[in-house]
Amino acid sequence: MKEIKKLTYSREESTPYRVSIEILNEQCKVLKMFRDLGFHKFNVVDVRRLPRGVTRHLVRMPEENLAKIPKHTNTRMRNSVKAGKEAIAWFETKGCDVCNTIVSKGAFLITAWNTEGNKIIYTFITPNMKTAQDIISTLEALNFELKILGMERYKRRTSVLTERQEMALWLALEAGFFDYPKKIDVSELSRKLKISPSTLSEIMRRGIRRLLEYYFET
């Protein structure tokens, strides 16, 4: 892979980046379990990082395969929903080196899904370009085969909000704070931003109020 061009950091030291990489991850316990069971028709459509080093995978598969999954494995099946001839289920495992590297560097793991074989596309947000480079360099040092699909620098979109309000709301949206059910709560989001939950709540409340006032005034 081409070496990432080193940048000089000033204001960019505090500018988040949205990063997408495709990586050959043979450590993924969910993919390994399905291979061992002889499953060929399945799709990992999302991966979420939980507290205590647990990773949750959302998998779509033929409905008849649900009954074939052993109950006593290192991969625990959680909620499942049947949709026609398919089923969608959450599986929890201990995090692999990819998820652990992304999270340990202070990044948000936004989503991930498998493409073919053991290849998974991970999308995450880093606090700056240096952190993105560090994550990629660490994964390469761990001998993962990866491809960078995109690096998008955060850019302000409106003057209605203060920079701090817009940044907080953008990160909350990307991290799944406004999803149902929530993929991240105020406490976890505030830890990532290194501010107190009450401060983050106030920043977001004022930002949302400004957006509503602007919307209804115009």
N, C-alpha and C. Protein backbone atom coordinates (compact mmCIF):
# COMPACT_ATOMS: atom_id res chain seq x y z
N MET A 1 0.84 -1.19 0.00
CA MET A 1 0.00 0.00 0.00
C MET A 1 0.88 1.24 0.00
N LYS A 2 0.45 2.25 -0.72
CA LYS A 2 1.22 3.47 -0.77
C LYS A 2 1.27 4.11 0.62
N GLU A 3 2.44 4.63 0.94
CA GLU A 3 2.60 5.28 2.25
C GLU A 3 1.75 6.54 2.29
N ILE A 4 1.07 6.74 3.41
CA ILE A 4 0.24 7.93 3.56
C ILE A 4 1.14 9.14 3.72
N LYS A 5 0.86 10.17 2.98
CA LYS A 5 1.68 11.38 3.04
C LYS A 5 1.56 12.01 4.42
N LYS A 6 2.70 12.28 5.03
CA LYS A 6 2.71 12.90 6.34
C LYS A 6 2.34 14.37 6.22
N LEU A 7 1.50 14.81 7.14
CA LEU A 7 1.03 16.19 7.10
C LEU A 7 1.59 16.98 8.27
N THR A 8 1.64 18.27 8.12
CA THR A 8 1.96 19.13 9.26
C THR A 8 0.67 19.48 9.95
N TYR A 9 0.67 19.47 11.27
CA TYR A 9 -0.55 19.64 12.03
C TYR A 9 -0.57 20.99 12.73
N SER A 10 -1.64 21.68 12.57
CA SER A 10 -1.87 22.91 13.32
C SER A 10 -3.32 22.83 13.76
N ARG A 11 -4.20 23.52 13.02
CA ARG A 11 -5.63 23.43 13.31
C ARG A 11 -6.14 22.02 13.03
N GLU A 12 -5.52 21.32 12.10
CA GLU A 12 -5.98 19.98 11.73
C GLU A 12 -5.80 18.98 12.85
N GLU A 13 -5.01 19.33 13.88
CA GLU A 13 -4.84 18.41 14.99
C GLU A 13 -6.16 18.15 15.69
N SER A 14 -7.12 19.05 15.58
CA SER A 14 -8.41 18.88 16.24
C SER A 14 -9.55 18.74 15.24
N THR A 15 -9.24 18.42 13.98
CA THR A 15 -10.26 18.26 12.96
C THR A 15 -10.53 16.78 12.71
N PRO A 16 -11.76 16.29 12.96
CA PRO A 16 -12.05 14.87 12.77
C PRO A 16 -12.01 14.45 11.30
N TYR A 17 -11.80 13.15 11.10
CA TYR A 17 -11.82 12.55 9.78
C TYR A 17 -12.73 11.33 9.80
N ARG A 18 -13.46 11.15 8.71
CA ARG A 18 -14.27 9.94 8.51
C ARG A 18 -13.49 9.02 7.57
N VAL A 19 -13.14 7.84 8.06
CA VAL A 19 -12.24 6.95 7.34
C VAL A 19 -12.95 5.63 7.02
N SER A 20 -12.75 5.12 5.80
CA SER A 20 -13.27 3.81 5.41
C SER A 20 -12.11 2.98 4.87
N ILE A 21 -11.98 1.76 5.38
CA ILE A 21 -10.95 0.84 4.91
C ILE A 21 -11.57 -0.53 4.65
N GLU A 22 -11.02 -1.22 3.66
CA GLU A 22 -11.39 -2.62 3.43
C GLU A 22 -10.23 -3.47 3.92
N ILE A 23 -10.52 -4.46 4.73
CA ILE A 23 -9.44 -5.22 5.37
C ILE A 23 -9.76 -6.71 5.36
N LEU A 24 -8.73 -7.51 5.11
CA LEU A 24 -8.86 -8.96 5.18
C LEU A 24 -8.72 -9.36 6.64
N ASN A 25 -9.83 -9.75 7.27
CA ASN A 25 -9.84 -10.01 8.70
C ASN A 25 -10.20 -11.46 8.98
N GLU A 26 -9.18 -12.30 9.05
CA GLU A 26 -9.41 -13.72 9.33
C GLU A 26 -9.60 -13.98 10.81
N GLN A 27 -9.46 -12.94 11.64
CA GLN A 27 -9.67 -13.09 13.08
C GLN A 27 -11.14 -13.00 13.48
N CYS A 28 -11.99 -12.48 12.60
CA CYS A 28 -13.40 -12.26 12.96
C CYS A 28 -14.05 -13.57 13.37
N LYS A 29 -14.48 -13.66 14.63
CA LYS A 29 -15.02 -14.91 15.17
C LYS A 29 -16.36 -15.28 14.55
N VAL A 30 -17.16 -14.28 14.17
CA VAL A 30 -18.46 -14.57 13.55
C VAL A 30 -18.26 -15.19 12.17
N LEU A 31 -17.39 -14.61 11.36
CA LEU A 31 -17.12 -15.18 10.04
C LEU A 31 -16.54 -16.59 10.17
N LYS A 32 -15.65 -16.79 11.14
CA LYS A 32 -15.06 -18.12 11.35
C LYS A 32 -16.11 -19.13 11.75
N MET A 33 -17.03 -18.76 12.66
CA MET A 33 -18.07 -19.68 13.09
C MET A 33 -18.94 -20.11 11.92
N PHE A 34 -19.32 -19.16 11.07
CA PHE A 34 -20.16 -19.49 9.93
C PHE A 34 -19.43 -20.39 8.94
N ARG A 35 -18.14 -20.15 8.73
CA ARG A 35 -17.35 -21.02 7.85
C ARG A 35 -17.31 -22.44 8.41
N ASP A 36 -17.06 -22.55 9.73
CA ASP A 36 -16.97 -23.87 10.36
C ASP A 36 -18.30 -24.61 10.29
N LEU A 37 -19.41 -23.88 10.30
CA LEU A 37 -20.74 -24.50 10.21
C LEU A 37 -21.12 -24.81 8.77
N GLY A 38 -20.30 -24.38 7.82
CA GLY A 38 -20.59 -24.64 6.42
C GLY A 38 -21.60 -23.68 5.82
N PHE A 39 -21.83 -22.54 6.48
CA PHE A 39 -22.76 -21.53 5.94
C PHE A 39 -22.06 -20.74 4.83
N HIS A 40 -22.73 -20.59 3.73
CA HIS A 40 -22.18 -19.83 2.61
C HIS A 40 -23.03 -18.60 2.29
N LYS A 41 -24.32 -18.66 2.61
CA LYS A 41 -25.21 -17.54 2.32
C LYS A 41 -25.46 -16.75 3.60
N PHE A 42 -24.70 -15.72 3.80
CA PHE A 42 -24.90 -14.83 4.94
C PHE A 42 -24.21 -13.51 4.63
N ASN A 43 -24.58 -12.49 5.38
CA ASN A 43 -23.97 -11.17 5.17
C ASN A 43 -23.90 -10.43 6.50
N VAL A 44 -22.70 -10.06 6.91
CA VAL A 44 -22.53 -9.19 8.08
C VAL A 44 -22.82 -7.77 7.62
N VAL A 45 -23.91 -7.20 8.13
CA VAL A 45 -24.34 -5.89 7.64
C VAL A 45 -23.96 -4.75 8.59
N ASP A 46 -23.52 -5.08 9.80
CA ASP A 46 -23.11 -4.03 10.73
C ASP A 46 -22.28 -4.63 11.84
N VAL A 47 -21.35 -3.84 12.37
CA VAL A 47 -20.53 -4.23 13.52
C VAL A 47 -20.49 -3.05 14.48
N ARG A 48 -20.77 -3.32 15.75
CA ARG A 48 -20.77 -2.26 16.77
C ARG A 48 -19.88 -2.68 17.93
N ARG A 49 -19.18 -1.71 18.46
CA ARG A 49 -18.31 -1.94 19.62
C ARG A 49 -19.07 -1.60 20.89
N LEU A 50 -19.09 -2.52 21.86
CA LEU A 50 -19.77 -2.33 23.14
C LEU A 50 -18.73 -2.18 24.25
N PRO A 51 -19.16 -1.75 25.44
CA PRO A 51 -18.22 -1.67 26.57
C PRO A 51 -17.63 -3.03 26.91
N ARG A 52 -16.56 -3.04 27.67
CA ARG A 52 -15.89 -4.24 28.17
C ARG A 52 -15.32 -5.10 27.05
N GLY A 53 -14.94 -4.50 25.94
CA GLY A 53 -14.26 -5.24 24.88
C GLY A 53 -15.13 -6.16 24.06
N VAL A 54 -16.44 -6.00 24.13
CA VAL A 54 -17.37 -6.85 23.38
C VAL A 54 -17.71 -6.19 22.05
N THR A 55 -17.78 -7.01 21.00
CA THR A 55 -18.17 -6.53 19.68
C THR A 55 -19.45 -7.23 19.25
N ARG A 56 -20.39 -6.46 18.72
CA ARG A 56 -21.68 -7.01 18.29
C ARG A 56 -21.79 -6.94 16.77
N HIS A 57 -22.14 -8.07 16.15
CA HIS A 57 -22.27 -8.18 14.70
C HIS A 57 -23.73 -8.42 14.33
N LEU A 58 -24.24 -7.67 13.37
CA LEU A 58 -25.59 -7.88 12.86
C LEU A 58 -25.48 -8.68 11.56
N VAL A 59 -26.12 -9.86 11.54
CA VAL A 59 -25.95 -10.80 10.42
C VAL A 59 -27.30 -11.13 9.80
N ARG A 60 -27.34 -11.12 8.47
CA ARG A 60 -28.52 -11.55 7.71
C ARG A 60 -28.21 -12.91 7.09
N MET A 61 -29.14 -13.86 7.24
CA MET A 61 -28.90 -15.23 6.77
C MET A 61 -30.22 -15.92 6.44
N PRO A 62 -30.19 -17.08 5.75
CA PRO A 62 -31.42 -17.84 5.55
C PRO A 62 -32.02 -18.25 6.89
N GLU A 63 -33.34 -18.20 6.98
CA GLU A 63 -34.02 -18.44 8.26
C GLU A 63 -33.73 -19.83 8.83
N GLU A 64 -33.57 -20.84 7.96
CA GLU A 64 -33.37 -22.21 8.46
C GLU A 64 -32.02 -22.39 9.16
N ASN A 65 -31.09 -21.46 8.95
CA ASN A 65 -29.77 -21.60 9.58
C ASN A 65 -29.77 -21.25 11.07
N LEU A 66 -30.79 -20.52 11.52
CA LEU A 66 -30.83 -20.14 12.94
C LEU A 66 -30.79 -21.35 13.86
N ALA A 67 -31.55 -22.39 13.50
CA ALA A 67 -31.63 -23.58 14.35
C ALA A 67 -30.33 -24.39 14.34
N LYS A 68 -29.45 -24.15 13.39
CA LYS A 68 -28.21 -24.91 13.27
C LYS A 68 -27.06 -24.29 14.07
N ILE A 69 -27.29 -23.12 14.65
CA ILE A 69 -26.22 -22.44 15.38
C ILE A 69 -26.16 -22.97 16.81
N PRO A 70 -25.02 -23.52 17.24
CA PRO A 70 -24.90 -24.06 18.61
C PRO A 70 -25.13 -22.97 19.66
N LYS A 71 -25.72 -23.37 20.78
CA LYS A 71 -26.00 -22.42 21.85
C LYS A 71 -24.76 -22.14 22.70
N HIS A 72 -23.87 -23.12 22.79
CA HIS A 72 -22.70 -22.96 23.66
C HIS A 72 -21.45 -22.78 22.81
N THR A 73 -21.19 -21.55 22.43
CA THR A 73 -19.98 -21.21 21.67
C THR A 73 -19.42 -19.90 22.22
N ASN A 74 -18.26 -19.52 21.72
CA ASN A 74 -17.67 -18.23 22.12
C ASN A 74 -18.38 -17.06 21.47
N THR A 75 -19.25 -17.39 20.50
CA THR A 75 -20.03 -16.36 19.81
C THR A 75 -21.48 -16.48 20.26
N ARG A 76 -21.99 -15.51 20.98
CA ARG A 76 -23.32 -15.59 21.56
C ARG A 76 -24.34 -14.88 20.68
N MET A 77 -25.41 -15.61 20.32
CA MET A 77 -26.47 -15.00 19.53
C MET A 77 -27.44 -14.28 20.46
N ARG A 78 -27.74 -13.04 20.11
CA ARG A 78 -28.69 -12.25 20.87
C ARG A 78 -30.02 -12.20 20.13
N ASN A 79 -30.64 -11.04 20.10
CA ASN A 79 -31.96 -10.90 19.47
C ASN A 79 -31.93 -11.31 18.01
N SER A 80 -32.98 -12.01 17.57
CA SER A 80 -33.11 -12.38 16.16
C SER A 80 -34.53 -12.08 15.70
N VAL A 81 -34.64 -11.71 14.43
CA VAL A 81 -35.94 -11.37 13.83
C VAL A 81 -36.06 -12.11 12.51
N LYS A 82 -37.21 -12.73 12.27
CA LYS A 82 -37.45 -13.42 11.01
C LYS A 82 -38.14 -12.46 10.04
N ALA A 83 -37.65 -12.47 8.80
CA ALA A 83 -38.22 -11.61 7.75
C ALA A 83 -38.36 -12.44 6.49
N GLY A 84 -39.54 -13.05 6.33
CA GLY A 84 -39.75 -13.92 5.17
C GLY A 84 -38.90 -15.17 5.29
N LYS A 85 -38.08 -15.43 4.27
CA LYS A 85 -37.21 -16.60 4.28
C LYS A 85 -35.84 -16.30 4.90
N GLU A 86 -35.68 -15.08 5.40
CA GLU A 86 -34.41 -14.68 6.00
C GLU A 86 -34.58 -14.40 7.49
N ALA A 87 -33.46 -14.36 8.17
CA ALA A 87 -33.43 -13.97 9.59
C ALA A 87 -32.30 -12.98 9.79
N ILE A 88 -32.51 -12.06 10.72
CA ILE A 88 -31.49 -11.08 11.08
C ILE A 88 -31.21 -11.24 12.57
N ALA A 89 -29.95 -11.40 12.93
CA ALA A 89 -29.62 -11.67 14.33
C ALA A 89 -28.34 -10.94 14.74
N TRP A 90 -28.27 -10.58 16.04
CA TRP A 90 -27.06 -9.99 16.61
C TRP A 90 -26.22 -11.09 17.25
N PHE A 91 -24.90 -11.05 17.01
CA PHE A 91 -23.97 -11.98 17.62
C PHE A 91 -22.90 -11.19 18.37
N GLU A 92 -22.60 -11.62 19.61
CA GLU A 92 -21.60 -10.93 20.42
C GLU A 92 -20.36 -11.79 20.59
N THR A 93 -19.18 -11.16 20.43
CA THR A 93 -17.91 -11.85 20.61
C THR A 93 -16.93 -10.89 21.28
N LYS A 94 -15.80 -11.43 21.70
CA LYS A 94 -14.70 -10.58 22.14
C LYS A 94 -14.13 -9.88 20.91
N GLY A 95 -13.75 -8.63 21.06
CA GLY A 95 -13.26 -7.87 19.92
C GLY A 95 -11.97 -8.43 19.35
N CYS A 96 -11.83 -8.35 18.02
CA CYS A 96 -10.61 -8.79 17.35
C CYS A 96 -9.60 -7.64 17.35
N ASP A 97 -8.42 -7.88 16.78
CA ASP A 97 -7.37 -6.85 16.76
C ASP A 97 -7.78 -5.62 15.97
N VAL A 98 -8.63 -5.80 14.95
CA VAL A 98 -9.05 -4.65 14.15
C VAL A 98 -9.92 -3.71 14.99
N CYS A 99 -10.98 -4.24 15.58
CA CYS A 99 -11.87 -3.42 16.41
C CYS A 99 -11.12 -2.82 17.60
N ASN A 100 -10.29 -3.65 18.24
CA ASN A 100 -9.55 -3.17 19.41
C ASN A 100 -8.60 -2.04 19.05
N THR A 101 -7.95 -2.14 17.89
CA THR A 101 -7.02 -1.09 17.46
C THR A 101 -7.76 0.22 17.20
N ILE A 102 -8.87 0.14 16.48
CA ILE A 102 -9.64 1.34 16.14
C ILE A 102 -10.10 2.05 17.41
N VAL A 103 -10.67 1.29 18.34
CA VAL A 103 -11.24 1.89 19.55
C VAL A 103 -10.15 2.37 20.51
N SER A 104 -9.07 1.60 20.64
CA SER A 104 -8.01 1.96 21.59
C SER A 104 -7.30 3.25 21.21
N LYS A 105 -7.36 3.63 19.94
CA LYS A 105 -6.72 4.87 19.49
C LYS A 105 -7.62 6.09 19.67
N GLY A 106 -8.81 5.88 20.22
CA GLY A 106 -9.71 7.00 20.47
C GLY A 106 -10.66 7.31 19.33
N ALA A 107 -10.82 6.36 18.39
CA ALA A 107 -11.72 6.57 17.25
C ALA A 107 -13.10 5.99 17.55
N PHE A 108 -14.11 6.44 16.80
CA PHE A 108 -15.45 5.87 16.85
C PHE A 108 -15.57 4.83 15.74
N LEU A 109 -15.92 3.59 16.09
CA LEU A 109 -16.26 2.62 15.06
C LEU A 109 -17.72 2.86 14.69
N ILE A 110 -17.96 3.35 13.47
CA ILE A 110 -19.31 3.71 13.06
C ILE A 110 -20.08 2.49 12.55
N THR A 111 -19.50 1.78 11.61
CA THR A 111 -20.16 0.60 11.06
C THR A 111 -19.15 -0.26 10.33
N ALA A 112 -19.54 -1.49 10.03
CA ALA A 112 -18.69 -2.40 9.26
C ALA A 112 -19.57 -3.47 8.63
N TRP A 113 -19.15 -3.98 7.49
CA TRP A 113 -19.90 -5.06 6.83
C TRP A 113 -18.95 -5.86 5.95
N ASN A 114 -19.29 -7.15 5.74
CA ASN A 114 -18.41 -7.98 4.93
C ASN A 114 -18.77 -7.87 3.46
N THR A 115 -17.77 -7.98 2.60
CA THR A 115 -17.98 -7.89 1.16
C THR A 115 -17.85 -9.26 0.51
N GLU A 116 -16.70 -9.89 0.62
CA GLU A 116 -16.50 -11.23 0.08
C GLU A 116 -15.45 -11.94 0.92
N GLY A 117 -15.63 -13.25 1.08
CA GLY A 117 -14.67 -13.99 1.89
C GLY A 117 -14.55 -13.41 3.27
N ASN A 118 -13.32 -13.12 3.68
CA ASN A 118 -13.07 -12.54 5.00
C ASN A 118 -12.82 -11.04 4.94
N LYS A 119 -13.18 -10.41 3.84
CA LYS A 119 -12.97 -8.97 3.71
C LYS A 119 -14.12 -8.20 4.35
N ILE A 120 -13.77 -7.21 5.15
CA ILE A 120 -14.76 -6.38 5.84
C ILE A 120 -14.41 -4.91 5.62
N ILE A 121 -15.43 -4.11 5.35
CA ILE A 121 -15.25 -2.67 5.23
C ILE A 121 -15.60 -2.02 6.56
N TYR A 122 -14.65 -1.32 7.14
CA TYR A 122 -14.85 -0.62 8.41
C TYR A 122 -14.90 0.88 8.15
N THR A 123 -15.86 1.55 8.78
CA THR A 123 -15.94 3.01 8.72
C THR A 123 -15.86 3.54 10.14
N PHE A 124 -14.97 4.49 10.36
CA PHE A 124 -14.78 5.03 11.71
C PHE A 124 -14.39 6.50 11.63
N ILE A 125 -14.54 7.19 12.75
CA ILE A 125 -14.19 8.61 12.84
C ILE A 125 -13.02 8.77 13.80
N THR A 126 -12.00 9.49 13.35
CA THR A 126 -10.83 9.76 14.18
C THR A 126 -10.82 11.23 14.58
N PRO A 127 -10.20 11.58 15.70
CA PRO A 127 -10.17 12.99 16.11
C PRO A 127 -9.30 13.86 15.21
N ASN A 128 -8.40 13.24 14.43
CA ASN A 128 -7.52 14.00 13.53
C ASN A 128 -6.86 13.04 12.54
N MET A 129 -6.13 13.61 11.57
CA MET A 129 -5.45 12.80 10.56
C MET A 129 -4.36 11.93 11.17
N LYS A 130 -3.66 12.47 12.17
CA LYS A 130 -2.58 11.71 12.79
C LYS A 130 -3.09 10.40 13.39
N THR A 131 -4.26 10.43 14.02
CA THR A 131 -4.84 9.22 14.59
C THR A 131 -5.21 8.23 13.50
N ALA A 132 -5.75 8.72 12.39
CA ALA A 132 -6.08 7.84 11.26
C ALA A 132 -4.83 7.15 10.74
N GLN A 133 -3.75 7.89 10.60
CA GLN A 133 -2.48 7.31 10.16
C GLN A 133 -1.98 6.27 11.15
N ASP A 134 -2.13 6.57 12.44
CA ASP A 134 -1.66 5.67 13.49
C ASP A 134 -2.42 4.35 13.44
N ILE A 135 -3.74 4.42 13.25
CA ILE A 135 -4.56 3.20 13.17
C ILE A 135 -4.12 2.35 11.99
N ILE A 136 -3.97 2.97 10.84
CA ILE A 136 -3.59 2.23 9.63
C ILE A 136 -2.19 1.63 9.78
N SER A 137 -1.26 2.40 10.33
CA SER A 137 0.10 1.90 10.53
C SER A 137 0.12 0.72 11.51
N THR A 138 -0.69 0.80 12.56
CA THR A 138 -0.75 -0.28 13.55
C THR A 138 -1.32 -1.55 12.93
N LEU A 139 -2.39 -1.41 12.14
CA LEU A 139 -2.99 -2.59 11.49
C LEU A 139 -2.01 -3.22 10.50
N GLU A 140 -1.27 -2.39 9.79
CA GLU A 140 -0.26 -2.93 8.86
C GLU A 140 0.85 -3.65 9.63
N ALA A 141 1.24 -3.10 10.79
CA ALA A 141 2.27 -3.74 11.61
C ALA A 141 1.79 -5.08 12.16
N LEU A 142 0.46 -5.23 12.30
CA LEU A 142 -0.13 -6.50 12.74
C LEU A 142 -0.36 -7.45 11.57
N ASN A 143 0.15 -7.06 10.38
CA ASN A 143 0.11 -7.89 9.17
C ASN A 143 -1.28 -8.06 8.58
N PHE A 144 -2.14 -7.06 8.77
CA PHE A 144 -3.43 -7.07 8.10
C PHE A 144 -3.27 -6.50 6.69
N GLU A 145 -3.93 -7.14 5.75
CA GLU A 145 -3.95 -6.65 4.37
C GLU A 145 -5.13 -5.69 4.23
N LEU A 146 -4.85 -4.41 3.95
CA LEU A 146 -5.94 -3.43 3.92
C LEU A 146 -5.82 -2.49 2.74
N LYS A 147 -6.95 -1.88 2.44
CA LYS A 147 -7.05 -0.91 1.34
C LYS A 147 -7.83 0.29 1.85
N ILE A 148 -7.29 1.49 1.67
CA ILE A 148 -7.99 2.71 2.09
C ILE A 148 -9.02 3.07 1.03
N LEU A 149 -10.29 3.14 1.43
CA LEU A 149 -11.36 3.48 0.50
C LEU A 149 -11.68 4.97 0.51
N GLY A 150 -11.44 5.63 1.63
CA GLY A 150 -11.73 7.06 1.68
C GLY A 150 -11.33 7.68 3.00
N MET A 151 -10.94 8.96 2.94
CA MET A 151 -10.67 9.77 4.13
C MET A 151 -11.31 11.13 3.89
N GLU A 152 -12.34 11.43 4.64
CA GLU A 152 -13.08 12.69 4.46
C GLU A 152 -12.90 13.57 5.69
N ARG A 153 -12.35 14.75 5.47
CA ARG A 153 -12.12 15.70 6.57
C ARG A 153 -13.43 16.41 6.89
N TYR A 154 -13.69 16.55 8.19
CA TYR A 154 -14.89 17.27 8.62
C TYR A 154 -14.84 18.72 8.15
N LYS A 155 -15.95 19.21 7.58
CA LYS A 155 -16.04 20.60 7.14
C LYS A 155 -17.32 21.22 7.69
N ARG A 156 -17.23 22.45 8.12
CA ARG A 156 -18.41 23.16 8.62
C ARG A 156 -19.40 23.35 7.48
N ARG A 157 -20.70 23.22 7.81
CA ARG A 157 -21.74 23.30 6.80
C ARG A 157 -22.70 24.47 7.00
N THR A 158 -22.70 25.08 8.18
CA THR A 158 -23.66 26.15 8.44
C THR A 158 -23.09 27.13 9.45
N SER A 159 -23.54 28.38 9.35
CA SER A 159 -23.14 29.39 10.33
C SER A 159 -24.19 29.54 11.42
N VAL A 160 -25.26 28.76 11.33
CA VAL A 160 -26.32 28.82 12.33
C VAL A 160 -25.80 28.34 13.68
N LEU A 161 -24.96 27.31 13.67
CA LEU A 161 -24.42 26.74 14.89
C LEU A 161 -23.02 27.26 15.15
N THR A 162 -22.63 27.24 16.42
CA THR A 162 -21.23 27.49 16.72
C THR A 162 -20.44 26.26 16.26
N GLU A 163 -19.14 26.43 16.11
CA GLU A 163 -18.32 25.31 15.66
C GLU A 163 -18.41 24.13 16.63
N ARG A 164 -18.45 24.43 17.91
CA ARG A 164 -18.52 23.37 18.91
C ARG A 164 -19.85 22.63 18.85
N GLN A 165 -20.94 23.37 18.65
CA GLN A 165 -22.26 22.75 18.55
C GLN A 165 -22.35 21.86 17.31
N GLU A 166 -21.87 22.38 16.19
CA GLU A 166 -21.95 21.60 14.95
C GLU A 166 -21.11 20.34 15.03
N MET A 167 -19.92 20.45 15.61
CA MET A 167 -19.05 19.29 15.75
C MET A 167 -19.69 18.23 16.63
N ALA A 168 -20.27 18.64 17.75
CA ALA A 168 -20.89 17.70 18.68
C ALA A 168 -22.08 16.99 18.03
N LEU A 169 -22.92 17.75 17.33
CA LEU A 169 -24.10 17.16 16.69
C LEU A 169 -23.70 16.25 15.53
N TRP A 170 -22.68 16.63 14.79
CA TRP A 170 -22.21 15.79 13.68
C TRP A 170 -21.69 14.46 14.20
N LEU A 171 -20.86 14.50 15.25
CA LEU A 171 -20.32 13.28 15.82
C LEU A 171 -21.43 12.41 16.41
N ALA A 172 -22.40 13.04 17.07
CA ALA A 172 -23.52 12.30 17.64
C ALA A 172 -24.33 11.60 16.56
N LEU A 173 -24.55 12.28 15.45
CA LEU A 173 -25.30 11.70 14.34
C LEU A 173 -24.54 10.54 13.72
N GLU A 174 -23.24 10.73 13.46
CA GLU A 174 -22.43 9.69 12.85
C GLU A 174 -22.30 8.47 13.75
N ALA A 175 -22.21 8.70 15.07
CA ALA A 175 -22.00 7.60 16.01
C ALA A 175 -23.28 6.86 16.37
N GLY A 176 -24.43 7.33 15.90
CA GLY A 176 -25.68 6.63 16.15
C GLY A 176 -26.43 7.07 17.39
N PHE A 177 -26.14 8.27 17.89
CA PHE A 177 -26.83 8.76 19.08
C PHE A 177 -28.32 8.97 18.81
N PHE A 178 -28.67 9.37 17.59
CA PHE A 178 -30.07 9.65 17.25
C PHE A 178 -30.78 8.43 16.65
N ASP A 179 -30.09 7.29 16.58
CA ASP A 179 -30.73 6.07 16.06
C ASP A 179 -31.65 5.49 17.13
N TYR A 180 -32.55 4.59 16.67
CA TYR A 180 -33.38 3.86 17.62
C TYR A 180 -33.23 2.36 17.34
N PRO A 181 -32.73 1.59 18.32
CA PRO A 181 -32.22 2.06 19.61
C PRO A 181 -30.88 2.78 19.45
N LYS A 182 -30.53 3.58 20.44
CA LYS A 182 -29.28 4.34 20.37
C LYS A 182 -28.08 3.40 20.31
N LYS A 183 -27.11 3.76 19.46
CA LYS A 183 -25.89 2.98 19.36
C LYS A 183 -24.78 3.53 20.25
N ILE A 184 -25.03 4.70 20.81
CA ILE A 184 -24.08 5.30 21.76
C ILE A 184 -24.87 6.24 22.66
N ASP A 185 -24.52 6.31 23.94
CA ASP A 185 -25.24 7.21 24.84
C ASP A 185 -24.39 8.45 25.15
N VAL A 186 -24.97 9.36 25.92
CA VAL A 186 -24.28 10.62 26.22
C VAL A 186 -22.98 10.37 26.99
N SER A 187 -22.99 9.42 27.91
CA SER A 187 -21.80 9.16 28.71
C SER A 187 -20.64 8.69 27.85
N GLU A 188 -20.92 7.73 26.96
CA GLU A 188 -19.85 7.20 26.10
C GLU A 188 -19.36 8.26 25.12
N LEU A 189 -20.31 9.01 24.55
CA LEU A 189 -19.94 10.05 23.59
C LEU A 189 -19.11 11.15 24.27
N SER A 190 -19.49 11.51 25.48
CA SER A 190 -18.74 12.56 26.20
C SER A 190 -17.33 12.10 26.55
N ARG A 191 -17.17 10.81 26.85
CA ARG A 191 -15.82 10.29 27.13
C ARG A 191 -14.93 10.41 25.90
N LYS A 192 -15.50 10.13 24.74
CA LYS A 192 -14.73 10.25 23.50
C LYS A 192 -14.32 11.70 23.26
N LEU A 193 -15.20 12.63 23.62
CA LEU A 193 -14.94 14.05 23.39
C LEU A 193 -14.17 14.70 24.53
N LYS A 194 -13.95 13.90 25.60
CA LYS A 194 -13.20 14.38 26.77
C LYS A 194 -13.86 15.59 27.44
N ILE A 195 -15.19 15.54 27.53
CA ILE A 195 -15.95 16.55 28.28
C ILE A 195 -16.97 15.81 29.13
N SER A 196 -17.59 16.51 30.07
CA SER A 196 -18.55 15.86 30.95
C SER A 196 -19.87 15.63 30.22
N PRO A 197 -20.65 14.62 30.64
CA PRO A 197 -21.95 14.37 30.02
C PRO A 197 -22.87 15.59 30.09
N SER A 198 -22.83 16.31 31.22
CA SER A 198 -23.70 17.48 31.35
C SER A 198 -23.31 18.59 30.37
N THR A 199 -22.00 18.77 30.17
CA THR A 199 -21.54 19.78 29.21
C THR A 199 -21.96 19.41 27.80
N LEU A 200 -21.78 18.14 27.43
CA LEU A 200 -22.18 17.69 26.09
C LEU A 200 -23.67 17.85 25.89
N SER A 201 -24.46 17.48 26.88
CA SER A 201 -25.92 17.60 26.78
C SER A 201 -26.33 19.05 26.55
N GLU A 202 -25.67 19.97 27.24
CA GLU A 202 -26.00 21.39 27.09
C GLU A 202 -25.59 21.91 25.71
N ILE A 203 -24.42 21.49 25.22
CA ILE A 203 -23.99 21.91 23.88
C ILE A 203 -24.98 21.43 22.83
N MET A 204 -25.39 20.17 22.93
CA MET A 204 -26.32 19.61 21.95
C MET A 204 -27.70 20.25 22.06
N ARG A 205 -28.15 20.49 23.30
CA ARG A 205 -29.47 21.10 23.50
C ARG A 205 -29.52 22.47 22.86
N ARG A 206 -28.48 23.27 23.09
CA ARG A 206 -28.45 24.62 22.51
C ARG A 206 -28.35 24.57 20.99
N GLY A 207 -27.57 23.61 20.49
CA GLY A 207 -27.44 23.47 19.05
C GLY A 207 -28.75 23.09 18.39
N ILE A 208 -29.45 22.12 18.97
CA ILE A 208 -30.74 21.69 18.42
C ILE A 208 -31.75 22.83 18.48
N ARG A 209 -31.73 23.59 19.58
CA ARG A 209 -32.64 24.74 19.69
C ARG A 209 -32.37 25.76 18.58
N ARG A 210 -31.09 26.04 18.32
CA ARG A 210 -30.75 26.99 17.25
C ARG A 210 -31.25 26.50 15.90
N LEU A 211 -31.09 25.22 15.64
CA LEU A 211 -31.55 24.66 14.36
C LEU A 211 -33.06 24.77 14.23
N LEU A 212 -33.78 24.48 15.31
CA LEU A 212 -35.24 24.57 15.27
C LEU A 212 -35.69 26.01 15.08
N GLU A 213 -35.05 26.95 15.78
CA GLU A 213 -35.41 28.36 15.62
C GLU A 213 -35.15 28.83 14.19
N TYR A 214 -34.02 28.41 13.63
CA TYR A 214 -33.69 28.80 12.25
C TYR A 214 -34.70 28.19 11.27
N TYR A 215 -35.06 26.93 11.50
CA TYR A 215 -35.99 26.23 10.60
C TYR A 215 -37.36 26.90 10.61
N PHE A 216 -37.88 27.20 11.78
CA PHE A 216 -39.24 27.74 11.86
C PHE A 216 -39.29 29.23 11.54
N GLU A 217 -38.18 29.93 11.68
CA GLU A 217 -38.16 31.35 11.31
C GLU A 217 -38.08 31.55 9.81
N THR A 218 -37.51 30.56 9.10
CA THR A 218 -37.36 30.70 7.66
C THR A 218 -38.44 29.92 6.92
